[in-house]
Amino acid sequence: MVADVDLDELPEATASKVTAALGGIDFAPPAGKGPALPDSYQYDLVVQDRTARSMTARDPFLSPGFRTLVDVLMPLARPE
């Protein structure tokens, strides 16, 4: 599943949630990576604004900000 979104195209409330959640994410390694667990989800996040940033996180090792992004963006995701 992939969610490719432009904040300018999201409803204001959703864009505000995404912006606030991104502000709470530390993109520095290890960025919430945990050991691979059977039947767990892996999330790859790429943010392109003034600079490109990326990280990978796995359930259940998601920070609160990352969990908010998953909750907001998952309904917008489509099969890759």
N, C-alpha and C. Protein backbone atom coordinates (compact mmCIF):
# COMPACT_ATOMS: atom_id res chain seq x y z
N MET A 1 0.85 -1.17 0.00
CA MET A 1 0.00 0.00 0.00
C MET A 1 0.90 1.24 0.00
N VAL A 2 0.46 2.26 -0.74
CA VAL A 2 1.21 3.50 -0.83
C VAL A 2 0.26 4.67 -0.69
N ALA A 3 0.63 5.63 0.13
CA ALA A 3 -0.12 6.88 0.25
C ALA A 3 0.82 8.00 -0.18
N ASP A 4 0.54 8.59 -1.30
CA ASP A 4 1.33 9.70 -1.83
C ASP A 4 0.44 10.93 -1.75
N VAL A 5 0.72 11.81 -0.80
CA VAL A 5 -0.17 12.94 -0.55
C VAL A 5 0.57 14.27 -0.62
N ASP A 6 -0.17 15.29 -0.99
CA ASP A 6 0.31 16.66 -0.99
C ASP A 6 -0.50 17.37 0.10
N LEU A 7 0.18 17.94 1.08
CA LEU A 7 -0.54 18.58 2.19
C LEU A 7 -1.49 19.66 1.71
N ASP A 8 -1.14 20.33 0.62
CA ASP A 8 -2.01 21.39 0.09
C ASP A 8 -3.31 20.84 -0.47
N GLU A 9 -3.36 19.54 -0.74
CA GLU A 9 -4.56 18.93 -1.31
C GLU A 9 -5.41 18.22 -0.25
N LEU A 10 -4.91 18.14 0.97
CA LEU A 10 -5.66 17.50 2.05
C LEU A 10 -6.58 18.52 2.71
N PRO A 11 -7.67 18.05 3.32
CA PRO A 11 -8.49 18.96 4.14
C PRO A 11 -7.60 19.58 5.22
N GLU A 12 -7.91 20.81 5.60
CA GLU A 12 -7.06 21.55 6.54
C GLU A 12 -6.83 20.80 7.84
N ALA A 13 -7.87 20.18 8.39
CA ALA A 13 -7.72 19.45 9.66
C ALA A 13 -6.77 18.27 9.51
N THR A 14 -6.86 17.56 8.39
CA THR A 14 -5.99 16.41 8.15
C THR A 14 -4.55 16.87 7.94
N ALA A 15 -4.38 17.92 7.16
CA ALA A 15 -3.04 18.45 6.91
C ALA A 15 -2.40 18.91 8.22
N SER A 16 -3.18 19.51 9.11
CA SER A 16 -2.66 19.95 10.41
C SER A 16 -2.21 18.77 11.25
N LYS A 17 -2.98 17.67 11.23
CA LYS A 17 -2.60 16.46 11.98
C LYS A 17 -1.29 15.90 11.44
N VAL A 18 -1.17 15.84 10.11
CA VAL A 18 0.05 15.31 9.49
C VAL A 18 1.24 16.20 9.85
N THR A 19 1.10 17.50 9.74
CA THR A 19 2.18 18.43 10.04
C THR A 19 2.61 18.30 11.50
N ALA A 20 1.65 18.24 12.42
CA ALA A 20 1.97 18.10 13.84
C ALA A 20 2.68 16.76 14.11
N ALA A 21 2.19 15.69 13.49
CA ALA A 21 2.80 14.37 13.69
C ALA A 21 4.23 14.36 13.15
N LEU A 22 4.45 14.96 11.98
CA LEU A 22 5.80 15.00 11.41
C LEU A 22 6.76 15.78 12.31
N GLY A 23 6.25 16.80 12.97
CA GLY A 23 7.08 17.58 13.87
C GLY A 23 7.55 16.79 15.07
N GLY A 24 6.86 15.73 15.40
CA GLY A 24 7.22 14.91 16.55
C GLY A 24 8.02 13.68 16.21
N ILE A 25 8.41 13.54 14.94
CA ILE A 25 9.16 12.35 14.53
C ILE A 25 10.64 12.69 14.43
N ASP A 26 11.48 11.85 15.03
CA ASP A 26 12.92 11.99 14.95
C ASP A 26 13.40 11.11 13.80
N PHE A 27 13.86 11.74 12.73
CA PHE A 27 14.30 10.99 11.56
C PHE A 27 15.73 10.47 11.69
N ALA A 28 16.40 10.79 12.78
CA ALA A 28 17.76 10.31 12.98
C ALA A 28 17.73 8.81 13.30
N PRO A 29 18.70 8.05 12.82
CA PRO A 29 18.72 6.62 13.15
C PRO A 29 18.74 6.41 14.64
N PRO A 30 18.19 5.36 15.19
CA PRO A 30 17.57 4.23 14.52
C PRO A 30 16.12 4.45 14.15
N ALA A 31 15.55 5.62 14.39
CA ALA A 31 14.21 6.00 13.91
C ALA A 31 13.12 4.98 14.20
N GLY A 32 13.12 4.42 15.36
CA GLY A 32 12.02 3.56 15.76
C GLY A 32 12.06 2.16 15.18
N LYS A 33 13.17 1.79 14.57
CA LYS A 33 13.25 0.43 14.05
C LYS A 33 13.34 -0.55 15.20
N GLY A 34 12.61 -1.58 15.07
CA GLY A 34 12.68 -2.65 16.05
C GLY A 34 12.95 -3.94 15.32
N PRO A 35 13.08 -5.01 16.04
CA PRO A 35 13.31 -6.30 15.38
C PRO A 35 12.08 -6.70 14.57
N ALA A 36 12.32 -7.42 13.51
CA ALA A 36 11.21 -7.92 12.70
C ALA A 36 10.48 -8.99 13.50
N LEU A 37 9.19 -8.80 13.66
CA LEU A 37 8.37 -9.77 14.38
C LEU A 37 7.46 -10.47 13.37
N PRO A 38 7.16 -11.73 13.58
CA PRO A 38 6.25 -12.42 12.67
C PRO A 38 4.92 -11.69 12.56
N ASP A 39 4.42 -11.57 11.36
CA ASP A 39 3.11 -10.97 11.09
C ASP A 39 3.00 -9.51 11.52
N SER A 40 4.11 -8.80 11.58
CA SER A 40 4.05 -7.38 11.92
C SER A 40 4.17 -6.55 10.64
N TYR A 41 3.73 -5.32 10.73
CA TYR A 41 3.78 -4.43 9.58
C TYR A 41 5.04 -3.58 9.62
N GLN A 42 5.57 -3.30 8.44
CA GLN A 42 6.69 -2.38 8.29
C GLN A 42 6.19 -1.17 7.52
N TYR A 43 6.56 0.01 7.99
CA TYR A 43 6.15 1.26 7.35
C TYR A 43 7.40 2.01 6.90
N ASP A 44 7.43 2.39 5.63
CA ASP A 44 8.51 3.18 5.08
C ASP A 44 7.95 4.57 4.80
N LEU A 45 8.53 5.57 5.43
CA LEU A 45 8.05 6.94 5.32
C LEU A 45 9.09 7.77 4.57
N VAL A 46 8.64 8.46 3.53
CA VAL A 46 9.50 9.40 2.79
C VAL A 46 8.78 10.73 2.78
N VAL A 47 9.47 11.76 3.26
CA VAL A 47 8.91 13.10 3.29
C VAL A 47 9.77 13.97 2.37
N GLN A 48 9.11 14.62 1.44
CA GLN A 48 9.83 15.51 0.53
C GLN A 48 9.28 16.91 0.69
N ASP A 49 10.06 17.75 1.36
CA ASP A 49 9.72 19.16 1.47
C ASP A 49 10.99 19.92 1.13
N ARG A 50 11.47 20.78 2.00
CA ARG A 50 12.73 21.48 1.70
C ARG A 50 13.88 20.50 1.58
N THR A 51 13.82 19.43 2.34
CA THR A 51 14.81 18.36 2.26
C THR A 51 14.08 17.02 2.22
N ALA A 52 14.69 16.04 1.63
CA ALA A 52 14.09 14.70 1.61
C ALA A 52 14.56 13.96 2.86
N ARG A 53 13.59 13.35 3.56
CA ARG A 53 13.88 12.56 4.75
C ARG A 53 13.14 11.25 4.63
N SER A 54 13.73 10.21 5.20
CA SER A 54 13.04 8.92 5.17
C SER A 54 13.39 8.13 6.42
N MET A 55 12.52 7.17 6.70
CA MET A 55 12.75 6.27 7.82
C MET A 55 11.87 5.04 7.65
N THR A 56 12.21 4.01 8.38
CA THR A 56 11.44 2.78 8.41
C THR A 56 11.12 2.47 9.87
N ALA A 57 9.90 2.08 10.11
CA ALA A 57 9.49 1.68 11.47
C ALA A 57 8.61 0.45 11.36
N ARG A 58 8.60 -0.33 12.40
CA ARG A 58 7.81 -1.57 12.42
C ARG A 58 6.88 -1.58 13.63
N ASP A 59 5.68 -2.14 13.41
CA ASP A 59 4.79 -2.40 14.53
C ASP A 59 5.45 -3.44 15.41
N PRO A 60 5.38 -3.35 16.66
CA PRO A 60 4.67 -2.39 17.50
C PRO A 60 5.57 -1.25 17.96
N PHE A 61 6.68 -1.00 17.26
CA PHE A 61 7.69 -0.04 17.69
C PHE A 61 7.51 1.32 17.05
N LEU A 62 6.27 1.82 17.00
CA LEU A 62 6.00 3.11 16.39
C LEU A 62 5.91 4.19 17.46
N SER A 63 6.55 5.32 17.18
CA SER A 63 6.43 6.46 18.09
C SER A 63 5.00 7.01 17.98
N PRO A 64 4.56 7.80 18.93
CA PRO A 64 3.20 8.37 18.85
C PRO A 64 2.98 9.18 17.57
N GLY A 65 3.98 9.96 17.16
CA GLY A 65 3.84 10.74 15.93
C GLY A 65 3.72 9.86 14.71
N PHE A 66 4.52 8.80 14.66
CA PHE A 66 4.46 7.89 13.52
C PHE A 66 3.12 7.16 13.50
N ARG A 67 2.63 6.76 14.67
CA ARG A 67 1.32 6.09 14.76
C ARG A 67 0.22 7.02 14.23
N THR A 68 0.29 8.30 14.57
CA THR A 68 -0.69 9.27 14.07
C THR A 68 -0.64 9.34 12.55
N LEU A 69 0.57 9.37 11.98
CA LEU A 69 0.68 9.38 10.51
C LEU A 69 0.06 8.15 9.89
N VAL A 70 0.33 7.00 10.46
CA VAL A 70 -0.27 5.76 9.94
C VAL A 70 -1.79 5.85 10.00
N ASP A 71 -2.31 6.31 11.11
CA ASP A 71 -3.77 6.40 11.28
C ASP A 71 -4.40 7.37 10.29
N VAL A 72 -3.72 8.48 10.00
CA VAL A 72 -4.26 9.50 9.09
C VAL A 72 -4.08 9.09 7.62
N LEU A 73 -2.92 8.51 7.30
CA LEU A 73 -2.60 8.24 5.89
C LEU A 73 -3.11 6.90 5.38
N MET A 74 -3.30 5.92 6.26
CA MET A 74 -3.73 4.60 5.80
C MET A 74 -5.03 4.64 4.99
N PRO A 75 -6.03 5.43 5.40
CA PRO A 75 -7.25 5.48 4.57
C PRO A 75 -7.02 6.06 3.18
N LEU A 76 -5.89 6.78 3.00
CA LEU A 76 -5.58 7.36 1.69
C LEU A 76 -4.70 6.45 0.85
N ALA A 77 -4.22 5.35 1.44
CA ALA A 77 -3.30 4.45 0.75
C ALA A 77 -4.02 3.60 -0.30
N ARG A 78 -3.29 3.30 -1.34
CA ARG A 78 -3.78 2.48 -2.44
C ARG A 78 -2.75 1.39 -2.74
N PRO A 79 -3.16 0.29 -3.34
CA PRO A 79 -2.18 -0.75 -3.69
C PRO A 79 -1.11 -0.18 -4.61
N GLU A 80 0.11 -0.63 -4.38
CA GLU A 80 1.25 -0.15 -5.16
C GLU A 80 1.25 -0.75 -6.54
